[in-house]
């Protein structure tokens, strides 16, 4: 009886194991994502787009050269002005008072000079007749010269104060359009404070800033493509006219100006523009192949990259020995081991294995 129970128990265990072995458990395959890049030629396909603002090539801040209260302000937004047109004026009280004081000082200096001149001529006549001493003659001559110098100084002061009165007027320096108005009548302004902005240029330009990574690849007279978000479907040619040699501390970029070739009236100052730069020449049969420096590894056998051979929705890693040349701003020049268009891994070289199956990500 005990032997029969053992046989039945063993049969149950075998039946259970057999049932479990018949179940097929499928596990989802998890592929590691890998960033990649196609092998290309130096300078080929290097295109970058940056945003800028449209403005005329000559933007003038209009301001007074003295302080005071505005009594006349004939400036309106969008107004067309002509060169020499009177636009604004200050009360100019202090300048007029200073001018009147300088005129009074000039009259006093003129009277003193005439008195000193008459005294000098009288003493000189007496000296020539022997009725005056040499010291009297020298004193009279020096007094006349001092009075004459004071008179000349007073004349210059009058001229300066007369010019100060003109500092209270703003005349249009060029023909143009008022782009901004920052003051009103009866407002107290200081010297040099902009009260309006005048767009006076004939050409339309784009002002933008470029990062240090590309500034050395931009030169004056370089041609670019310009597009405006407010003018869809329309593009313009542009020419680089200015490249700053130093960085703007406020934006940490290098200021650049682009002149638009054949602009239209639809382009207005302040519009946002997208400027596209094409760096380098087109690839030729003599151009060098370039791979990113981070895609090149090195071991005891030399330099290598990980080729990515696509197979359906995945790819397989292949360790590929390469011979590289000099290191450029774009990466290593490839002398042997690769062809244009091949895909190579650009990250995680230390963890990839030869023959490993991976998933490609842009």
Protein backbone atom coordinates (compact mmCIF):
# COMPACT_ATOMS: atom_id res chain seq x y z
CA UNK A 1 0.00 0.00 0.00
CA UNK A 2 2.82 2.36 0.94
CA UNK A 3 4.59 1.52 -2.34
CA UNK A 4 1.44 2.34 -4.33
CA UNK A 5 1.13 5.74 -2.67
CA UNK A 6 4.72 6.56 -3.57
CA UNK A 7 4.13 5.63 -7.19
CA UNK A 8 1.01 7.80 -7.39
CA UNK A 9 2.83 10.79 -5.85
CA UNK A 10 5.73 10.45 -8.29
CA UNK A 11 3.31 10.29 -11.22
CA UNK A 12 1.63 13.49 -10.03
CA UNK A 13 4.93 15.34 -9.86
CA UNK A 14 5.91 14.20 -13.36
CA UNK A 15 2.53 15.29 -14.71
CA UNK A 16 2.92 18.76 -13.14
CA UNK A 17 6.42 19.22 -14.52
CA UNK A 18 5.26 18.12 -17.94
CA UNK A 19 2.38 20.59 -17.87
CA UNK A 20 4.64 23.50 -16.85
CA UNK A 21 7.22 22.65 -19.53
CA UNK A 22 4.56 22.87 -22.19
CA UNK A 23 3.87 26.55 -21.51
CA UNK A 24 5.86 28.93 -23.76
CA UNK A 25 6.70 32.18 -22.04
CA UNK A 26 7.71 34.87 -24.45
CA UNK A 27 9.80 37.72 -23.12
CA UNK A 28 9.77 41.09 -24.93
CA UNK A 29 13.17 41.95 -26.33
CA UNK A 30 14.42 45.36 -25.07
CA UNK A 31 16.85 47.05 -27.45
CA UNK A 32 19.17 49.78 -26.28
CA UNK A 33 18.64 53.12 -28.10
CA UNK A 34 21.75 54.47 -29.85
CA UNK A 35 22.35 57.94 -31.31
CA UNK A 36 23.97 57.92 -34.71
CA UNK A 37 25.23 60.11 -37.53
CA UNK A 38 25.92 59.53 -41.18
CA UNK A 39 29.49 59.85 -42.39
CA UNK A 40 29.79 62.93 -44.61
CA UNK A 41 32.28 65.22 -46.30
CA UNK A 42 33.86 68.28 -44.70
CA UNK A 43 31.69 71.34 -45.16
CA UNK A 44 28.88 69.40 -46.72
CA UNK A 45 25.36 70.17 -45.49
CA UNK A 46 26.50 72.61 -42.82
CA UNK A 47 23.47 74.89 -42.69
CA UNK A 48 22.39 76.95 -39.67
CA UNK A 49 19.49 79.35 -39.19
CA UNK A 50 19.39 82.21 -36.68
CA UNK A 51 16.74 84.77 -35.78
CA UNK A 52 17.19 88.53 -36.13
CA UNK A 53 15.29 91.81 -36.30
CA UNK A 54 14.79 93.97 -39.40
CA UNK A 55 15.78 97.63 -39.21
CA UNK A 56 17.02 100.36 -41.51
CA UNK A 57 20.76 100.67 -41.97
CA UNK A 58 20.78 104.06 -40.19
CA UNK A 59 18.91 104.36 -36.88
CA UNK A 60 19.28 107.73 -35.11
CA UNK A 61 18.33 108.51 -31.50
CA UNK A 62 16.94 112.06 -31.39
CA UNK A 63 17.79 113.95 -28.19
CA UNK A 64 18.47 117.44 -26.87
CA UNK A 65 22.01 118.55 -26.00
CA UNK A 66 20.74 120.40 -22.92
CA UNK A 67 18.13 119.78 -20.24
CA UNK A 68 14.77 121.48 -19.79
CA UNK A 69 11.01 121.27 -20.32
CA UNK A 70 9.69 120.50 -23.79
CA UNK A 71 7.57 123.38 -25.13
CA UNK A 72 7.28 122.19 -28.74
CA UNK A 73 7.07 118.59 -29.93
CA UNK A 74 6.11 118.07 -33.57
CA UNK A 75 6.97 114.35 -33.66
CA UNK A 76 4.47 111.58 -34.39
CA UNK A 77 4.89 107.85 -34.84
CA UNK A 78 5.33 106.97 -38.52
CA UNK A 79 5.86 110.62 -39.50
CA UNK A 80 7.93 111.35 -42.61
CA UNK A 81 10.45 114.13 -41.92
CA UNK A 82 12.83 116.10 -44.09
CA UNK A 83 16.42 117.02 -43.28
CA UNK A 84 16.59 120.34 -41.37
CA UNK A 85 12.95 120.23 -40.24
CA UNK A 86 12.37 121.60 -36.69
CA UNK A 87 10.96 118.77 -34.60
CA UNK A 88 11.14 119.82 -30.94
CA UNK A 89 12.17 122.68 -28.64
CA UNK A 90 12.90 123.24 -24.92
CA UNK A 91 11.97 126.22 -22.75
CA UNK A 92 15.69 127.13 -22.77
CA UNK A 93 15.48 129.49 -19.79
CA UNK A 94 18.91 128.70 -18.36
CA UNK A 95 20.65 128.96 -21.73
CA UNK A 96 19.09 132.36 -22.49
CA UNK A 97 19.97 133.65 -19.02
CA UNK A 98 23.58 132.48 -19.44
CA UNK A 99 23.71 134.15 -22.85
CA UNK A 100 22.47 137.47 -21.45
CA UNK A 101 25.06 137.29 -18.67
CA UNK A 102 27.82 136.63 -21.20
CA UNK A 103 26.71 139.63 -23.28
CA UNK A 104 26.79 141.81 -20.17
CA UNK A 105 30.28 140.55 -19.37
CA UNK A 106 31.36 141.29 -22.93
CA UNK A 107 30.12 144.88 -22.70
CA UNK A 108 31.94 145.36 -19.40
CA UNK A 109 35.14 143.87 -20.83
CA UNK A 110 34.85 146.13 -23.89
CA UNK A 111 34.53 149.22 -21.66
CA UNK A 112 37.54 148.21 -19.57
CA UNK A 113 39.57 147.54 -22.71
CA UNK A 114 38.74 150.98 -24.16
CA UNK A 115 39.67 152.68 -20.88
CA UNK A 116 42.94 150.76 -20.69
CA UNK A 117 43.69 151.62 -24.33
CA UNK A 118 43.15 155.35 -23.80
CA UNK A 119 45.34 155.29 -20.67
CA UNK A 120 48.07 153.38 -22.51
CA UNK A 121 48.08 155.88 -25.38
CA UNK A 122 48.23 158.82 -22.93
CA UNK A 123 51.13 157.32 -20.93
CA UNK A 124 52.98 156.41 -24.11
CA UNK A 125 52.73 160.01 -25.33
CA UNK A 126 54.05 161.29 -22.01
CA UNK A 127 56.84 158.69 -22.02
CA UNK A 128 57.92 159.77 -25.51
CA UNK A 129 58.07 163.40 -24.28
CA UNK A 130 60.05 162.37 -21.21
CA UNK A 131 57.23 163.27 -18.80
CA UNK A 132 56.53 159.63 -17.71
CA UNK A 133 58.82 156.93 -16.40
CA UNK A 134 59.51 153.59 -18.05
CA UNK A 135 57.70 151.73 -15.26
CA UNK A 136 54.55 153.84 -15.83
CA UNK A 137 54.70 153.00 -19.53
CA UNK A 138 55.13 149.25 -18.87
CA UNK A 139 52.29 149.18 -16.34
CA UNK A 140 49.92 150.92 -18.77
CA UNK A 141 50.90 148.55 -21.58
CA UNK A 142 50.36 145.46 -19.42
CA UNK A 143 46.96 146.74 -18.22
CA UNK A 144 45.86 147.26 -21.82
CA UNK A 145 46.98 143.76 -22.86
CA UNK A 146 45.15 142.21 -19.88
CA UNK A 147 41.97 144.10 -20.73
CA UNK A 148 42.31 143.09 -24.38
CA UNK A 149 42.65 139.38 -23.43
CA UNK A 150 39.60 139.63 -21.16
CA UNK A 151 37.61 141.13 -24.01
CA UNK A 152 38.58 138.28 -26.35
CA UNK A 153 37.60 135.72 -23.70
CA UNK A 154 34.23 137.43 -23.23
CA UNK A 155 33.66 137.29 -27.00
CA UNK A 156 34.30 133.52 -27.02
CA UNK A 157 31.95 133.08 -24.06
CA UNK A 158 29.17 134.88 -25.94
CA UNK A 159 29.69 132.62 -28.96
CA UNK A 160 29.57 129.51 -26.75
CA UNK A 161 26.43 130.63 -24.95
CA UNK A 162 24.79 131.47 -28.26
CA UNK A 163 25.54 127.89 -29.38
CA UNK A 164 24.08 126.58 -26.11
CA UNK A 165 20.76 128.16 -27.05
CA UNK A 166 20.74 126.06 -30.22
CA UNK A 167 21.15 122.92 -28.09
CA UNK A 168 17.51 123.32 -27.05
CA UNK A 169 16.27 122.59 -30.60
CA UNK A 170 16.04 119.28 -32.46
CA UNK A 171 16.27 119.42 -36.23
CA UNK A 172 15.92 116.32 -38.41
CA UNK A 173 19.50 115.27 -39.29
CA UNK A 174 18.35 113.17 -42.29
CA UNK A 175 15.27 112.36 -44.31
CA UNK A 176 13.44 109.46 -42.74
CA UNK A 177 10.56 108.05 -40.73
CA UNK A 178 9.87 108.33 -37.00
CA UNK A 179 9.99 104.78 -35.62
CA UNK A 180 9.48 105.49 -31.93
CA UNK A 181 8.32 108.36 -29.71
CA UNK A 182 9.47 108.48 -26.08
CA UNK A 183 8.43 111.95 -24.82
CA UNK A 184 5.61 114.49 -24.77
CA UNK A 185 5.10 118.26 -24.45
CA UNK A 186 5.72 119.67 -20.93
CA UNK A 187 7.96 116.73 -20.06
CA UNK A 188 11.24 117.52 -18.30
CA UNK A 189 14.11 115.80 -20.12
CA UNK A 190 17.85 115.68 -19.56
CA UNK A 191 20.67 116.17 -22.02
CA UNK A 192 21.19 113.13 -24.23
CA UNK A 193 17.89 111.47 -23.26
CA UNK A 194 16.34 109.96 -26.45
CA UNK A 195 12.91 111.47 -27.15
CA UNK A 196 12.38 109.70 -30.49
CA UNK A 197 14.03 107.27 -32.93
CA UNK A 198 14.47 108.13 -36.61
CA UNK A 199 14.89 105.47 -39.29
CA UNK A 200 16.90 107.36 -41.86
CA UNK A 201 18.58 104.69 -43.97
CA UNK A 202 17.69 103.73 -47.51
CA UNK A 203 18.64 100.04 -47.11
CA UNK A 204 16.94 97.44 -44.93
CA UNK A 205 19.19 95.31 -42.72
CA UNK A 206 18.88 92.44 -40.28
CA UNK A 207 20.56 92.70 -36.88
CA UNK A 208 21.31 89.41 -35.14
CA UNK A 209 23.78 87.74 -32.79
CA UNK A 210 25.81 84.61 -33.55
CA UNK A 211 27.36 82.22 -31.01
CA UNK A 212 31.11 81.69 -30.77
CA UNK A 213 30.78 78.21 -32.30
CA UNK A 214 30.07 79.67 -35.77
CA UNK A 215 31.31 83.27 -35.71
CA UNK A 216 34.71 82.35 -37.19
CA UNK A 217 32.95 80.83 -40.21
CA UNK A 218 31.14 84.08 -41.08
CA UNK A 219 32.82 86.75 -43.20
CA UNK A 220 31.78 90.05 -44.73
CA UNK A 221 30.19 89.74 -48.19
CA UNK A 222 28.99 86.21 -47.36
CA UNK A 223 25.64 85.47 -49.00
CA UNK A 224 22.69 84.28 -46.89
CA UNK A 225 18.99 83.52 -47.29
CA UNK A 226 16.45 85.63 -45.40
CA UNK A 227 12.82 84.76 -44.63
CA UNK A 228 10.23 86.58 -42.52
CA UNK A 229 7.60 84.91 -40.38
CA UNK A 230 5.14 87.65 -41.35
CA UNK A 231 5.77 87.10 -45.09
CA UNK A 232 5.21 83.36 -45.63
CA UNK A 233 6.36 81.86 -48.89
CA UNK A 234 8.70 84.74 -49.70
CA UNK A 235 12.49 84.65 -49.35
CA UNK A 236 15.20 87.23 -49.97
CA UNK A 237 18.91 87.20 -50.61
CA UNK A 238 21.16 88.94 -48.14
CA UNK A 239 24.81 89.95 -47.82
CA UNK A 240 26.76 90.09 -44.58
CA UNK A 241 28.01 93.67 -44.12
CA UNK A 242 29.29 93.75 -40.53
CA UNK A 243 30.84 91.12 -38.24
CA UNK A 244 31.75 92.25 -34.72
CA UNK A 245 35.19 91.18 -33.47
CA UNK A 246 34.03 91.19 -29.83
CA UNK A 247 31.14 89.66 -27.93
CA UNK A 248 28.14 91.66 -26.73
CA UNK A 249 28.19 91.32 -22.90
CA UNK A 250 24.40 91.63 -22.71
CA UNK A 251 23.65 88.72 -25.08
CA UNK A 252 27.00 86.83 -25.02
CA UNK A 253 26.80 86.68 -28.82
CA UNK A 254 28.70 88.41 -31.63
CA UNK A 255 26.63 91.12 -33.39
CA UNK A 256 26.25 90.68 -37.15
CA UNK A 257 24.38 92.79 -39.71
CA UNK A 258 22.88 91.51 -42.96
CA UNK A 259 21.85 93.81 -45.81
CA UNK A 260 18.80 92.61 -47.75
CA UNK A 261 19.26 92.62 -51.51
CA UNK A 262 16.24 94.15 -53.33
CA UNK A 263 13.95 94.59 -50.29
CA UNK A 264 10.23 95.34 -50.72
CA UNK A 265 7.96 97.81 -48.96
CA UNK A 266 6.38 94.87 -47.12
CA UNK A 267 9.50 94.56 -44.96
CA UNK A 268 9.05 96.84 -41.96
CA UNK A 269 11.43 97.75 -39.20
CA UNK A 270 11.03 95.43 -36.21
CA UNK A 271 9.93 92.34 -38.17
CA UNK A 272 11.39 89.01 -37.08
CA UNK A 273 13.65 87.43 -39.71
CA UNK A 274 15.21 83.97 -40.06
CA UNK A 275 18.70 84.15 -41.58
CA UNK A 276 20.13 80.93 -43.02
CA UNK A 277 23.91 80.53 -43.33
CA UNK A 278 25.55 77.86 -45.50
CA UNK A 279 29.01 77.23 -44.09
CA UNK A 280 31.76 75.82 -46.28
CA UNK A 281 31.86 74.62 -49.88
CA UNK A 282 29.86 71.82 -51.40
CA UNK A 283 31.36 68.35 -51.05
CA UNK A 284 33.54 67.16 -53.92
CA UNK A 285 35.31 63.92 -54.74
CA UNK A 286 38.48 65.41 -53.24
CA UNK A 287 36.82 66.44 -49.95
CA UNK A 288 37.80 64.64 -46.77
CA UNK A 289 35.38 62.42 -44.91
CA UNK A 290 34.61 63.75 -41.45
CA UNK A 291 33.36 61.94 -38.33
CA UNK A 292 32.63 63.55 -34.93
CA UNK A 293 35.50 63.28 -32.48
CA UNK A 294 33.21 61.69 -29.89
CA UNK A 295 32.41 58.83 -32.31
CA UNK A 296 36.04 57.65 -32.49
CA UNK A 297 37.35 55.24 -29.85
CA UNK A 298 40.79 53.77 -29.26
CA UNK A 299 42.05 50.50 -27.82
CA UNK A 300 45.20 48.37 -28.05
CA UNK A 301 44.55 47.68 -31.74
CA UNK A 302 44.15 51.36 -32.72
CA UNK A 303 41.30 53.75 -33.57
CA UNK A 304 37.81 52.42 -34.30
CA UNK A 305 34.16 53.38 -34.71
CA UNK A 306 30.96 51.38 -34.26
CA UNK A 307 29.19 50.90 -37.60
CA UNK A 308 25.45 50.45 -37.44
CA UNK A 309 24.17 47.92 -39.99
CA UNK A 310 20.41 48.24 -40.26
CA UNK A 311 18.25 45.12 -40.25
CA UNK A 312 14.57 45.94 -40.42
CA UNK A 313 13.50 48.02 -37.41
CA UNK A 314 16.76 47.48 -35.56
CA UNK A 315 20.49 47.61 -36.27
CA UNK A 316 23.51 45.56 -35.38
CA UNK A 317 26.76 47.04 -34.06
CA UNK A 318 29.99 46.30 -35.89
CA UNK A 319 33.38 47.41 -34.61
CA UNK A 320 35.17 49.02 -37.55
CA UNK A 321 38.89 49.92 -37.46
CA UNK A 322 39.60 53.34 -39.02
CA UNK A 323 42.62 55.43 -39.87
CA UNK A 324 42.12 59.09 -39.01
CA UNK A 325 44.01 62.23 -39.94
CA UNK A 326 44.01 65.71 -38.39
CA UNK A 327 41.37 66.97 -35.99
CA UNK A 328 39.32 69.88 -37.40
CA UNK A 329 36.51 71.99 -35.96
CA UNK A 330 34.04 69.50 -37.49
CA UNK A 331 35.78 66.33 -36.26
CA UNK A 332 38.41 63.81 -37.38
CA UNK A 333 39.36 63.45 -41.02
CA UNK A 334 38.96 59.81 -42.07
CA UNK A 335 41.76 58.44 -44.24
CA UNK A 336 40.64 54.81 -44.46
CA UNK A 337 37.95 52.45 -43.15
CA UNK A 338 34.70 54.32 -43.88
CA UNK A 339 32.56 55.47 -46.79
CA UNK A 340 30.18 58.40 -47.11
CA UNK A 341 26.62 57.61 -46.04
CA UNK A 342 27.48 54.89 -43.51
CA UNK A 343 25.90 55.23 -40.07
CA UNK A 344 28.09 55.30 -36.97
CA UNK A 345 27.27 55.48 -33.25
CA UNK A 346 27.99 58.86 -31.65
CA UNK A 347 27.44 58.06 -27.96
CA UNK A 348 28.09 55.31 -25.43
CA UNK A 349 31.11 53.72 -27.11
CA UNK A 350 32.33 52.34 -23.78
CA UNK A 351 29.20 50.17 -23.32
CA UNK A 352 28.59 48.97 -26.89
CA UNK A 353 29.61 45.43 -27.90
CA UNK A 354 30.54 44.07 -31.28
CA UNK A 355 27.49 42.30 -32.75
CA UNK A 356 25.05 43.87 -30.27
CA UNK A 357 21.51 44.55 -31.56
CA UNK A 358 20.33 48.13 -30.89
CA UNK A 359 17.57 50.59 -31.76
CA UNK A 360 18.51 53.74 -33.72
CA UNK A 361 17.44 57.14 -32.43
CA UNK A 362 18.03 60.51 -34.15
